[in-house]
Each structure stands twice: as structure tokens, then as C-alpha cells.
Amino acid sequence: MNVVDKALQTQIANIQERSGKTLAELYTLLESTGLEKHGQLRDYLKKEMGMGHGDANTVVTLFRQRGDSDGAGDNPLDSIYTGAKEHLRPLHEGIMKHVRGFGDFEEAPKKAYVSLRRKKQFAMVGPATKTQVEVGLNAKKLTGPDRLVEQKSGGMCQYKVRLSDADAIDDELIGWIRAAYDAAG
């Protein structure tokens, strides 16, 4: 078990202890609300259960990623990484393992990518083509080699990086994402 997995397990244990509920009980509670959007569910847990932002966000993320009894699951990545793009999903998950170690943030799935937000969006991750995953970054004054591509002003992101293999998930990429995370406050 890596450091991120251990940290998540510790956080889950602490959530269950503080709330007095198991994850299954929290999932049942979330199902009973009739709410569907990530932010609505997170805010519900914050208000009704007194959870902090990070704990509520983690519970909702796990709730939305769990598999249904029929095995179909409701993980938003199932619809983003489908068909010819399915083989790219491990790249997405590899990036997210690093990013989840930064601290609290919201993962807001969209139709074709996942928005990563603190006070504002700091990154987005999703398939760009059938062979590449794209990481969009919102941070000022990033520097790096050609793979860090500055975008025109007024777009959704200030920089983009495309990757097609796990070797591209390196310290440089994670450093750029961390800079964007820190800037989003």
C-alpha cells in the first residue's frame, strides 16, 4: 500500500469515528437525499453531519465511485474513458493518485473531463485524443519544456500538457499541477 492509499484509509477511519457512521451508512444517507451533483452532496454532509470540506468531499467522491450491486458502477470515469479511450484511464488515475496527496479539493466530473477545484479550478484532466490524456493548468508563470503549452488568454486553462504514457507522470508534471493547486488557494 502506497502513502496515498494509507492516507486515504486513515482519513476514512477518522471520518467514520467522528461521524459515528460507517461508509455504507453515509452512502445510504447520501442516497436518501435525492441530490445528484457532487457539490450538493458535499455541502449536505458539511451542513447535516458537520463534516469539514475535505472529509465531505472524500466521502462524496468515494460514494460516486462505488460500484452498484449489478457491477455497472456509477463512476464518472466510466463514461469519460470508454471505447477507444478506455486504455487511457490508468493515466488519469495515475495523475490523480499524486494530486490527491496535495490536500483538500473537489473533483467535479464533466462530460469529457474532470475539473479539479479549490476556491477556483486549478486543473482539468481528461482524454484529448484516442492516444493522449490532457492536463489543463491554471497557474501563472509556469516554465518548462515544449510539452508545457501556453494557451491563449481567455480560455479555460492557461497551460496544457498532453501525455500518452505513464513515464510522462513525472516530478515536473506533478510540480506544475502542485503550483496550480497552491495558486487556487
N, C-alpha and C. Protein backbone atom coordinates (compact mmCIF):
# COMPACT_ATOMS: atom_id res chain seq x y z
N MET A 1 0.86 -1.18 0.00
CA MET A 1 0.00 0.00 0.00
C MET A 1 0.90 1.23 0.00
N ASN A 2 0.63 2.17 -0.94
CA ASN A 2 1.47 3.36 -1.01
C ASN A 2 1.01 4.41 0.01
N VAL A 3 1.75 5.48 0.09
CA VAL A 3 1.49 6.53 1.07
C VAL A 3 0.10 7.15 0.88
N VAL A 4 -0.31 7.39 -0.37
CA VAL A 4 -1.61 7.99 -0.64
C VAL A 4 -2.73 7.05 -0.18
N ASP A 5 -2.60 5.76 -0.49
CA ASP A 5 -3.61 4.79 -0.06
C ASP A 5 -3.71 4.74 1.46
N LYS A 6 -2.56 4.77 2.13
CA LYS A 6 -2.56 4.76 3.60
C LYS A 6 -3.23 6.01 4.16
N ALA A 7 -2.93 7.14 3.54
CA ALA A 7 -3.53 8.41 3.99
C ALA A 7 -5.04 8.37 3.82
N LEU A 8 -5.51 7.83 2.69
CA LEU A 8 -6.95 7.72 2.45
C LEU A 8 -7.60 6.80 3.47
N GLN A 9 -6.98 5.67 3.75
CA GLN A 9 -7.53 4.74 4.73
C GLN A 9 -7.61 5.39 6.12
N THR A 10 -6.59 6.15 6.48
CA THR A 10 -6.60 6.86 7.77
C THR A 10 -7.72 7.89 7.79
N GLN A 11 -7.88 8.64 6.68
CA GLN A 11 -8.94 9.64 6.62
C GLN A 11 -10.31 8.98 6.74
N ILE A 12 -10.52 7.87 6.06
CA ILE A 12 -11.80 7.16 6.14
C ILE A 12 -12.08 6.69 7.57
N ALA A 13 -11.07 6.13 8.20
CA ALA A 13 -11.24 5.69 9.60
C ALA A 13 -11.61 6.86 10.50
N ASN A 14 -10.96 8.00 10.29
CA ASN A 14 -11.25 9.19 11.11
C ASN A 14 -12.66 9.71 10.83
N ILE A 15 -13.08 9.70 9.58
CA ILE A 15 -14.44 10.14 9.22
C ILE A 15 -15.47 9.27 9.92
N GLN A 16 -15.27 7.96 9.86
CA GLN A 16 -16.22 7.04 10.49
C GLN A 16 -16.26 7.23 11.99
N GLU A 17 -15.10 7.45 12.60
CA GLU A 17 -15.05 7.67 14.05
C GLU A 17 -15.75 8.97 14.44
N ARG A 18 -15.46 10.05 13.72
CA ARG A 18 -16.05 11.35 14.06
C ARG A 18 -17.55 11.39 13.80
N SER A 19 -17.99 10.74 12.71
CA SER A 19 -19.41 10.80 12.36
C SER A 19 -20.24 9.75 13.10
N GLY A 20 -19.57 8.71 13.58
CA GLY A 20 -20.29 7.62 14.23
C GLY A 20 -21.03 6.74 13.22
N LYS A 21 -20.67 6.87 11.95
CA LYS A 21 -21.34 6.10 10.89
C LYS A 21 -20.28 5.41 10.03
N THR A 22 -20.64 4.24 9.53
CA THR A 22 -19.78 3.56 8.57
C THR A 22 -19.93 4.24 7.21
N LEU A 23 -19.02 3.92 6.29
CA LEU A 23 -19.15 4.46 4.94
C LEU A 23 -20.47 4.01 4.32
N ALA A 24 -20.85 2.76 4.55
CA ALA A 24 -22.11 2.26 3.99
C ALA A 24 -23.29 3.07 4.51
N GLU A 25 -23.26 3.42 5.78
CA GLU A 25 -24.34 4.24 6.35
C GLU A 25 -24.33 5.65 5.76
N LEU A 26 -23.15 6.19 5.54
CA LEU A 26 -23.06 7.51 4.92
C LEU A 26 -23.56 7.47 3.48
N TYR A 27 -23.24 6.40 2.76
CA TYR A 27 -23.73 6.25 1.39
C TYR A 27 -25.26 6.17 1.37
N THR A 28 -25.83 5.42 2.30
CA THR A 28 -27.29 5.31 2.38
C THR A 28 -27.90 6.68 2.65
N LEU A 29 -27.27 7.44 3.53
CA LEU A 29 -27.73 8.79 3.83
C LEU A 29 -27.69 9.66 2.56
N LEU A 30 -26.60 9.59 1.83
CA LEU A 30 -26.49 10.38 0.60
C LEU A 30 -27.53 9.96 -0.43
N GLU A 31 -27.76 8.67 -0.56
CA GLU A 31 -28.78 8.18 -1.50
C GLU A 31 -30.16 8.71 -1.15
N SER A 32 -30.44 8.84 0.14
CA SER A 32 -31.76 9.26 0.59
C SER A 32 -32.04 10.74 0.33
N THR A 33 -31.00 11.52 0.04
CA THR A 33 -31.20 12.96 -0.15
C THR A 33 -31.87 13.29 -1.48
N GLY A 34 -31.68 12.43 -2.48
CA GLY A 34 -32.20 12.72 -3.81
C GLY A 34 -31.32 13.71 -4.57
N LEU A 35 -30.24 14.16 -3.94
CA LEU A 35 -29.32 15.09 -4.60
C LEU A 35 -28.42 14.30 -5.55
N GLU A 36 -27.99 14.95 -6.63
CA GLU A 36 -27.17 14.25 -7.61
C GLU A 36 -25.80 14.88 -7.82
N LYS A 37 -25.71 16.18 -7.70
CA LYS A 37 -24.45 16.86 -8.01
C LYS A 37 -23.46 16.72 -6.85
N HIS A 38 -22.20 16.59 -7.24
CA HIS A 38 -21.13 16.40 -6.26
C HIS A 38 -21.15 17.51 -5.19
N GLY A 39 -21.17 18.75 -5.64
CA GLY A 39 -21.14 19.88 -4.71
C GLY A 39 -22.34 19.91 -3.77
N GLN A 40 -23.51 19.53 -4.26
CA GLN A 40 -24.71 19.49 -3.42
C GLN A 40 -24.57 18.43 -2.33
N LEU A 41 -24.08 17.27 -2.72
CA LEU A 41 -23.90 16.19 -1.75
C LEU A 41 -22.84 16.56 -0.72
N ARG A 42 -21.74 17.15 -1.16
CA ARG A 42 -20.67 17.57 -0.26
C ARG A 42 -21.21 18.60 0.74
N ASP A 43 -21.94 19.60 0.23
CA ASP A 43 -22.48 20.64 1.12
C ASP A 43 -23.49 20.07 2.10
N TYR A 44 -24.25 19.06 1.67
CA TYR A 44 -25.20 18.39 2.56
C TYR A 44 -24.45 17.78 3.75
N LEU A 45 -23.38 17.05 3.48
CA LEU A 45 -22.60 16.43 4.56
C LEU A 45 -21.98 17.48 5.48
N LYS A 46 -21.55 18.58 4.90
CA LYS A 46 -20.96 19.64 5.72
C LYS A 46 -22.01 20.22 6.67
N LYS A 47 -23.20 20.46 6.13
CA LYS A 47 -24.26 21.08 6.93
C LYS A 47 -24.89 20.10 7.92
N GLU A 48 -25.29 18.95 7.42
CA GLU A 48 -26.06 18.00 8.24
C GLU A 48 -25.20 17.15 9.16
N MET A 49 -23.98 16.84 8.74
CA MET A 49 -23.11 15.98 9.54
C MET A 49 -21.98 16.76 10.21
N GLY A 50 -21.85 18.05 9.88
CA GLY A 50 -20.80 18.86 10.47
C GLY A 50 -19.41 18.48 9.98
N MET A 51 -19.33 17.87 8.82
CA MET A 51 -18.02 17.47 8.29
C MET A 51 -17.28 18.67 7.73
N GLY A 52 -15.96 18.58 7.78
CA GLY A 52 -15.13 19.56 7.12
C GLY A 52 -15.20 19.35 5.61
N HIS A 53 -14.76 20.34 4.86
CA HIS A 53 -14.83 20.28 3.40
C HIS A 53 -14.10 19.05 2.85
N GLY A 54 -12.89 18.81 3.31
CA GLY A 54 -12.10 17.70 2.79
C GLY A 54 -12.73 16.35 3.06
N ASP A 55 -13.23 16.15 4.29
CA ASP A 55 -13.86 14.88 4.63
C ASP A 55 -15.13 14.68 3.81
N ALA A 56 -15.95 15.71 3.71
CA ALA A 56 -17.19 15.60 2.93
C ALA A 56 -16.88 15.32 1.47
N ASN A 57 -15.88 15.99 0.94
CA ASN A 57 -15.50 15.78 -0.46
C ASN A 57 -15.03 14.35 -0.69
N THR A 58 -14.25 13.82 0.25
CA THR A 58 -13.77 12.45 0.12
C THR A 58 -14.92 11.45 0.15
N VAL A 59 -15.85 11.62 1.07
CA VAL A 59 -16.99 10.70 1.16
C VAL A 59 -17.80 10.74 -0.13
N VAL A 60 -18.07 11.92 -0.65
CA VAL A 60 -18.87 12.04 -1.88
C VAL A 60 -18.11 11.44 -3.06
N THR A 61 -16.81 11.69 -3.14
CA THR A 61 -16.03 11.12 -4.23
C THR A 61 -16.09 9.59 -4.18
N LEU A 62 -15.91 9.01 -3.00
CA LEU A 62 -15.98 7.56 -2.85
C LEU A 62 -17.39 7.05 -3.14
N PHE A 63 -18.39 7.78 -2.70
CA PHE A 63 -19.79 7.42 -2.94
C PHE A 63 -20.07 7.37 -4.44
N ARG A 64 -19.58 8.35 -5.16
CA ARG A 64 -19.83 8.41 -6.61
C ARG A 64 -19.00 7.40 -7.38
N GLN A 65 -17.91 6.91 -6.79
CA GLN A 65 -17.05 5.95 -7.47
C GLN A 65 -17.41 4.50 -7.15
N ARG A 66 -18.25 4.28 -6.18
CA ARG A 66 -18.53 2.90 -5.77
C ARG A 66 -19.28 2.15 -6.86
N GLY A 67 -19.18 0.85 -6.82
CA GLY A 67 -19.89 0.02 -7.79
C GLY A 67 -21.27 -0.32 -7.28
N ASP A 68 -22.23 -0.39 -8.18
CA ASP A 68 -23.58 -0.84 -7.82
C ASP A 68 -23.57 -2.35 -7.69
N SER A 69 -24.60 -2.90 -7.09
CA SER A 69 -24.68 -4.34 -6.88
C SER A 69 -24.69 -5.10 -8.20
N ASP A 70 -25.12 -4.47 -9.29
CA ASP A 70 -25.13 -5.16 -10.58
C ASP A 70 -23.79 -5.06 -11.29
N GLY A 71 -22.83 -4.40 -10.64
CA GLY A 71 -21.50 -4.29 -11.20
C GLY A 71 -21.34 -3.16 -12.19
N ALA A 72 -22.41 -2.45 -12.50
CA ALA A 72 -22.33 -1.39 -13.51
C ALA A 72 -21.55 -0.18 -13.00
N GLY A 73 -21.67 0.14 -11.72
CA GLY A 73 -20.95 1.26 -11.16
C GLY A 73 -21.53 2.59 -11.61
N ASP A 74 -21.15 3.67 -10.91
CA ASP A 74 -21.57 4.99 -11.33
C ASP A 74 -20.39 5.94 -11.30
N ASN A 75 -19.22 5.40 -11.53
CA ASN A 75 -18.02 6.21 -11.57
C ASN A 75 -18.05 7.05 -12.84
N PRO A 76 -17.94 8.37 -12.71
CA PRO A 76 -17.98 9.22 -13.90
C PRO A 76 -16.89 8.89 -14.91
N LEU A 77 -15.78 8.32 -14.46
CA LEU A 77 -14.72 7.96 -15.39
C LEU A 77 -15.16 6.86 -16.35
N ASP A 78 -16.19 6.08 -15.95
CA ASP A 78 -16.69 5.03 -16.83
C ASP A 78 -17.23 5.60 -18.14
N SER A 79 -17.82 6.78 -18.09
CA SER A 79 -18.36 7.38 -19.31
C SER A 79 -17.34 8.25 -20.03
N ILE A 80 -16.35 8.77 -19.31
CA ILE A 80 -15.31 9.60 -19.94
C ILE A 80 -14.32 8.72 -20.70
N TYR A 81 -13.92 7.63 -20.06
CA TYR A 81 -12.92 6.73 -20.65
C TYR A 81 -13.63 5.46 -21.14
N THR A 82 -14.24 5.58 -22.29
CA THR A 82 -14.97 4.47 -22.86
C THR A 82 -14.51 4.24 -24.30
N GLY A 83 -14.78 3.07 -24.81
CA GLY A 83 -14.45 2.77 -26.20
C GLY A 83 -12.96 2.89 -26.47
N ALA A 84 -12.62 3.63 -27.52
CA ALA A 84 -11.23 3.77 -27.95
C ALA A 84 -10.37 4.52 -26.93
N LYS A 85 -10.98 5.18 -25.96
CA LYS A 85 -10.22 5.95 -24.96
C LYS A 85 -10.07 5.19 -23.64
N GLU A 86 -10.65 4.02 -23.54
CA GLU A 86 -10.63 3.25 -22.29
C GLU A 86 -9.22 2.97 -21.79
N HIS A 87 -8.30 2.71 -22.71
CA HIS A 87 -6.92 2.39 -22.31
C HIS A 87 -6.18 3.58 -21.68
N LEU A 88 -6.75 4.79 -21.78
CA LEU A 88 -6.13 5.99 -21.20
C LEU A 88 -6.47 6.18 -19.72
N ARG A 89 -7.45 5.48 -19.25
CA ARG A 89 -7.91 5.67 -17.86
C ARG A 89 -6.79 5.48 -16.82
N PRO A 90 -5.90 4.49 -16.97
CA PRO A 90 -4.81 4.37 -15.99
C PRO A 90 -3.94 5.62 -15.90
N LEU A 91 -3.78 6.36 -17.00
CA LEU A 91 -3.03 7.61 -16.94
C LEU A 91 -3.75 8.62 -16.06
N HIS A 92 -5.06 8.75 -16.25
CA HIS A 92 -5.88 9.65 -15.42
C HIS A 92 -5.73 9.27 -13.95
N GLU A 93 -5.91 7.99 -13.67
CA GLU A 93 -5.84 7.53 -12.28
C GLU A 93 -4.44 7.71 -11.70
N GLY A 94 -3.41 7.53 -12.53
CA GLY A 94 -2.04 7.76 -12.06
C GLY A 94 -1.80 9.20 -11.68
N ILE A 95 -2.31 10.12 -12.48
CA ILE A 95 -2.20 11.54 -12.16
C ILE A 95 -2.92 11.84 -10.84
N MET A 96 -4.14 11.33 -10.72
CA MET A 96 -4.96 11.64 -9.55
C MET A 96 -4.38 11.08 -8.25
N LYS A 97 -3.67 9.98 -8.31
CA LYS A 97 -3.03 9.45 -7.09
C LYS A 97 -2.08 10.48 -6.51
N HIS A 98 -1.36 11.17 -7.37
CA HIS A 98 -0.43 12.20 -6.90
C HIS A 98 -1.19 13.42 -6.39
N VAL A 99 -2.18 13.86 -7.15
CA VAL A 99 -2.90 15.10 -6.82
C VAL A 99 -3.66 14.94 -5.50
N ARG A 100 -4.22 13.79 -5.25
CA ARG A 100 -4.97 13.58 -4.01
C ARG A 100 -4.10 13.71 -2.77
N GLY A 101 -2.81 13.59 -2.95
CA GLY A 101 -1.89 13.76 -1.83
C GLY A 101 -1.64 15.22 -1.46
N PHE A 102 -2.09 16.16 -2.28
CA PHE A 102 -1.86 17.58 -2.03
C PHE A 102 -2.67 18.11 -0.85
N GLY A 103 -3.90 17.61 -0.68
CA GLY A 103 -4.80 18.14 0.33
C GLY A 103 -6.22 18.20 -0.20
N ASP A 104 -7.02 19.07 0.40
CA ASP A 104 -8.44 19.16 0.06
C ASP A 104 -8.67 19.84 -1.29
N PHE A 105 -9.56 19.26 -2.06
CA PHE A 105 -10.04 19.86 -3.30
C PHE A 105 -11.25 19.06 -3.76
N GLU A 106 -11.96 19.62 -4.71
CA GLU A 106 -13.16 18.96 -5.25
C GLU A 106 -12.86 18.41 -6.63
N GLU A 107 -13.31 17.19 -6.86
CA GLU A 107 -13.27 16.60 -8.19
C GLU A 107 -14.68 16.74 -8.77
N ALA A 108 -14.82 17.54 -9.80
CA ALA A 108 -16.12 17.80 -10.40
C ALA A 108 -16.15 17.22 -11.81
N PRO A 109 -16.70 16.01 -11.96
CA PRO A 109 -16.74 15.39 -13.29
C PRO A 109 -17.64 16.17 -14.25
N LYS A 110 -17.15 16.34 -15.45
CA LYS A 110 -17.91 16.94 -16.53
C LYS A 110 -18.13 15.85 -17.57
N LYS A 111 -18.68 16.21 -18.72
CA LYS A 111 -18.97 15.21 -19.74
C LYS A 111 -17.71 14.56 -20.30
N ALA A 112 -16.65 15.35 -20.53
CA ALA A 112 -15.46 14.82 -21.20
C ALA A 112 -14.17 14.94 -20.38
N TYR A 113 -14.25 15.46 -19.15
CA TYR A 113 -13.07 15.62 -18.32
C TYR A 113 -13.50 15.77 -16.87
N VAL A 114 -12.52 15.85 -15.97
CA VAL A 114 -12.79 16.08 -14.56
C VAL A 114 -12.13 17.39 -14.17
N SER A 115 -12.92 18.30 -13.63
CA SER A 115 -12.42 19.59 -13.16
C SER A 115 -11.94 19.41 -11.72
N LEU A 116 -10.77 19.95 -11.42
CA LEU A 116 -10.21 19.91 -10.07
C LEU A 116 -10.25 21.32 -9.52
N ARG A 117 -10.94 21.49 -8.37
CA ARG A 117 -11.23 22.83 -7.87
C ARG A 117 -10.87 22.98 -6.40
N ARG A 118 -10.37 24.13 -6.06
CA ARG A 118 -10.28 24.58 -4.68
C ARG A 118 -11.22 25.77 -4.61
N LYS A 119 -10.71 26.97 -4.37
CA LYS A 119 -11.57 28.15 -4.47
C LYS A 119 -11.94 28.41 -5.92
N LYS A 120 -11.09 27.97 -6.82
CA LYS A 120 -11.35 28.05 -8.25
C LYS A 120 -10.71 26.82 -8.90
N GLN A 121 -11.03 26.62 -10.16
CA GLN A 121 -10.46 25.47 -10.87
C GLN A 121 -8.95 25.64 -11.00
N PHE A 122 -8.21 24.63 -10.61
CA PHE A 122 -6.76 24.69 -10.78
C PHE A 122 -6.27 23.76 -11.88
N ALA A 123 -7.07 22.75 -12.22
CA ALA A 123 -6.67 21.83 -13.28
C ALA A 123 -7.88 21.11 -13.83
N MET A 124 -7.69 20.51 -14.97
CA MET A 124 -8.69 19.62 -15.54
C MET A 124 -7.94 18.46 -16.18
N VAL A 125 -8.51 17.27 -16.07
CA VAL A 125 -7.86 16.07 -16.59
C VAL A 125 -8.88 15.29 -17.41
N GLY A 126 -8.49 14.92 -18.61
CA GLY A 126 -9.39 14.14 -19.44
C GLY A 126 -8.72 13.75 -20.75
N PRO A 127 -9.34 12.84 -21.49
CA PRO A 127 -8.75 12.43 -22.76
C PRO A 127 -8.82 13.57 -23.78
N ALA A 128 -7.70 13.80 -24.46
CA ALA A 128 -7.65 14.82 -25.50
C ALA A 128 -7.88 14.19 -26.86
N THR A 129 -7.33 13.01 -27.04
CA THR A 129 -7.46 12.26 -28.28
C THR A 129 -7.60 10.78 -27.90
N LYS A 130 -7.61 9.91 -28.87
CA LYS A 130 -7.67 8.47 -28.59
C LYS A 130 -6.35 7.95 -28.03
N THR A 131 -5.31 8.77 -28.08
CA THR A 131 -3.99 8.33 -27.63
C THR A 131 -3.37 9.19 -26.53
N GLN A 132 -4.05 10.28 -26.14
CA GLN A 132 -3.45 11.20 -25.17
C GLN A 132 -4.45 11.69 -24.12
N VAL A 133 -3.96 11.83 -22.91
CA VAL A 133 -4.68 12.49 -21.83
C VAL A 133 -4.14 13.91 -21.75
N GLU A 134 -5.03 14.85 -21.50
CA GLU A 134 -4.63 16.25 -21.40
C GLU A 134 -4.85 16.74 -19.98
N VAL A 135 -3.85 17.47 -19.47
CA VAL A 135 -3.95 18.13 -18.18
C VAL A 135 -3.94 19.62 -18.45
N GLY A 136 -5.05 20.28 -18.15
CA GLY A 136 -5.13 21.73 -18.27
C GLY A 136 -4.77 22.34 -16.93
N LEU A 137 -3.98 23.39 -16.93
CA LEU A 137 -3.50 24.00 -15.69
C LEU A 137 -3.84 25.48 -15.64
N ASN A 138 -4.25 25.94 -14.47
CA ASN A 138 -4.49 27.35 -14.23
C ASN A 138 -3.48 27.84 -13.20
N ALA A 139 -2.42 28.44 -13.70
CA ALA A 139 -1.37 29.00 -12.85
C ALA A 139 -0.60 30.00 -13.69
N LYS A 140 -0.04 30.95 -13.04
CA LYS A 140 0.71 31.97 -13.77
C LYS A 140 2.20 31.65 -13.72
N LYS A 141 2.86 31.99 -14.80
CA LYS A 141 4.32 31.94 -14.89
C LYS A 141 4.90 30.56 -14.69
N LEU A 142 4.29 29.54 -15.27
CA LEU A 142 4.91 28.23 -15.26
C LEU A 142 5.96 28.19 -16.37
N THR A 143 7.01 27.47 -16.13
CA THR A 143 8.05 27.33 -17.15
C THR A 143 8.38 25.86 -17.33
N GLY A 144 8.81 25.55 -18.52
CA GLY A 144 9.18 24.18 -18.78
C GLY A 144 9.45 23.95 -20.26
N PRO A 145 9.69 22.71 -20.59
CA PRO A 145 9.98 22.37 -21.99
C PRO A 145 8.74 22.45 -22.86
N ASP A 146 8.88 22.03 -24.10
CA ASP A 146 7.83 22.16 -25.10
C ASP A 146 6.52 21.48 -24.73
N ARG A 147 6.56 20.47 -23.88
CA ARG A 147 5.31 19.78 -23.56
C ARG A 147 4.36 20.64 -22.74
N LEU A 148 4.86 21.68 -22.07
CA LEU A 148 4.03 22.64 -21.35
C LEU A 148 3.65 23.73 -22.35
N VAL A 149 2.41 23.70 -22.82
CA VAL A 149 1.99 24.59 -23.90
C VAL A 149 1.10 25.70 -23.33
N GLU A 150 1.58 26.94 -23.46
CA GLU A 150 0.80 28.09 -23.00
C GLU A 150 -0.39 28.28 -23.94
N GLN A 151 -1.54 28.61 -23.35
CA GLN A 151 -2.78 28.79 -24.11
C GLN A 151 -3.08 30.28 -24.28
N LYS A 152 -3.91 30.59 -25.26
CA LYS A 152 -4.35 31.97 -25.47
C LYS A 152 -5.14 32.43 -24.26
N SER A 153 -5.04 33.71 -23.93
CA SER A 153 -5.79 34.22 -22.78
C SER A 153 -7.29 34.14 -23.05
N GLY A 154 -8.04 33.96 -21.98
CA GLY A 154 -9.49 33.86 -22.08
C GLY A 154 -10.00 32.45 -22.19
N GLY A 155 -9.11 31.48 -22.28
CA GLY A 155 -9.52 30.08 -22.36
C GLY A 155 -9.77 29.50 -20.98
N MET A 156 -10.12 28.24 -20.96
CA MET A 156 -10.41 27.56 -19.70
C MET A 156 -9.15 27.34 -18.87
N CYS A 157 -8.00 27.21 -19.52
CA CYS A 157 -6.74 26.95 -18.83
C CYS A 157 -5.65 27.83 -19.42
N GLN A 158 -4.65 28.11 -18.61
CA GLN A 158 -3.53 28.91 -19.06
C GLN A 158 -2.44 28.07 -19.73
N TYR A 159 -2.39 26.77 -19.34
CA TYR A 159 -1.40 25.85 -19.90
C TYR A 159 -2.06 24.49 -20.10
N LYS A 160 -1.48 23.73 -21.04
CA LYS A 160 -1.92 22.36 -21.24
C LYS A 160 -0.70 21.47 -21.43
N VAL A 161 -0.84 20.25 -20.93
CA VAL A 161 0.19 19.23 -21.10
C VAL A 161 -0.53 17.97 -21.56
N ARG A 162 -0.01 17.35 -22.61
CA ARG A 162 -0.58 16.09 -23.09
C ARG A 162 0.41 14.97 -22.80
N LEU A 163 -0.14 13.81 -22.44
CA LEU A 163 0.71 12.66 -22.18
C LEU A 163 0.07 11.40 -22.74
N SER A 164 0.93 10.49 -23.16
CA SER A 164 0.43 9.25 -23.75
C SER A 164 0.96 8.01 -23.05
N ASP A 165 1.84 8.21 -22.06
CA ASP A 165 2.31 7.04 -21.31
C ASP A 165 2.63 7.44 -19.88
N ALA A 166 2.72 6.44 -19.01
CA ALA A 166 2.89 6.67 -17.58
C ALA A 166 4.22 7.35 -17.26
N ASP A 167 5.22 7.21 -18.11
CA ASP A 167 6.51 7.86 -17.86
C ASP A 167 6.38 9.38 -17.84
N ALA A 168 5.36 9.91 -18.48
CA ALA A 168 5.15 11.36 -18.52
C ALA A 168 4.58 11.90 -17.21
N ILE A 169 4.13 11.01 -16.33
CA ILE A 169 3.66 11.43 -15.00
C ILE A 169 4.89 11.49 -14.12
N ASP A 170 5.64 12.57 -14.27
CA ASP A 170 6.91 12.70 -13.59
C ASP A 170 6.88 13.87 -12.61
N ASP A 171 7.99 14.09 -11.93
CA ASP A 171 8.08 15.16 -10.94
C ASP A 171 7.78 16.53 -11.54
N GLU A 172 8.18 16.74 -12.78
CA GLU A 172 7.94 18.02 -13.44
C GLU A 172 6.44 18.27 -13.60
N LEU A 173 5.70 17.29 -14.13
CA LEU A 173 4.26 17.42 -14.30
C LEU A 173 3.56 17.62 -12.97
N ILE A 174 3.92 16.80 -11.99
CA ILE A 174 3.29 16.92 -10.67
C ILE A 174 3.62 18.28 -10.05
N GLY A 175 4.81 18.79 -10.29
CA GLY A 175 5.18 20.12 -9.79
C GLY A 175 4.33 21.22 -10.40
N TRP A 176 4.05 21.12 -11.70
CA TRP A 176 3.19 22.11 -12.34
C TRP A 176 1.77 22.04 -11.77
N ILE A 177 1.27 20.83 -11.59
CA ILE A 177 -0.08 20.69 -11.02
C ILE A 177 -0.10 21.23 -9.60
N ARG A 178 0.96 20.97 -8.84
CA ARG A 178 1.04 21.46 -7.46
C ARG A 178 1.05 22.99 -7.44
N ALA A 179 1.77 23.60 -8.36
CA ALA A 179 1.82 25.08 -8.43
C ALA A 179 0.41 25.61 -8.70
N ALA A 180 -0.32 24.97 -9.60
CA ALA A 180 -1.68 25.40 -9.90
C ALA A 180 -2.60 25.19 -8.68
N TYR A 181 -2.42 24.07 -8.00
CA TYR A 181 -3.20 23.77 -6.78
C TYR A 181 -2.96 24.86 -5.73
N ASP A 182 -1.69 25.17 -5.48
CA ASP A 182 -1.35 26.18 -4.49
C ASP A 182 -1.92 27.55 -4.86
N ALA A 183 -1.90 27.89 -6.15
CA ALA A 183 -2.39 29.20 -6.60
C ALA A 183 -3.90 29.31 -6.48
N ALA A 184 -4.61 28.18 -6.41
CA ALA A 184 -6.08 28.20 -6.37
C ALA A 184 -6.60 28.33 -4.94
N GLY A 185 -5.73 28.44 -3.98
CA GLY A 185 -5.98 28.72 -2.62
C GLY A 185 -6.93 28.10 -1.78
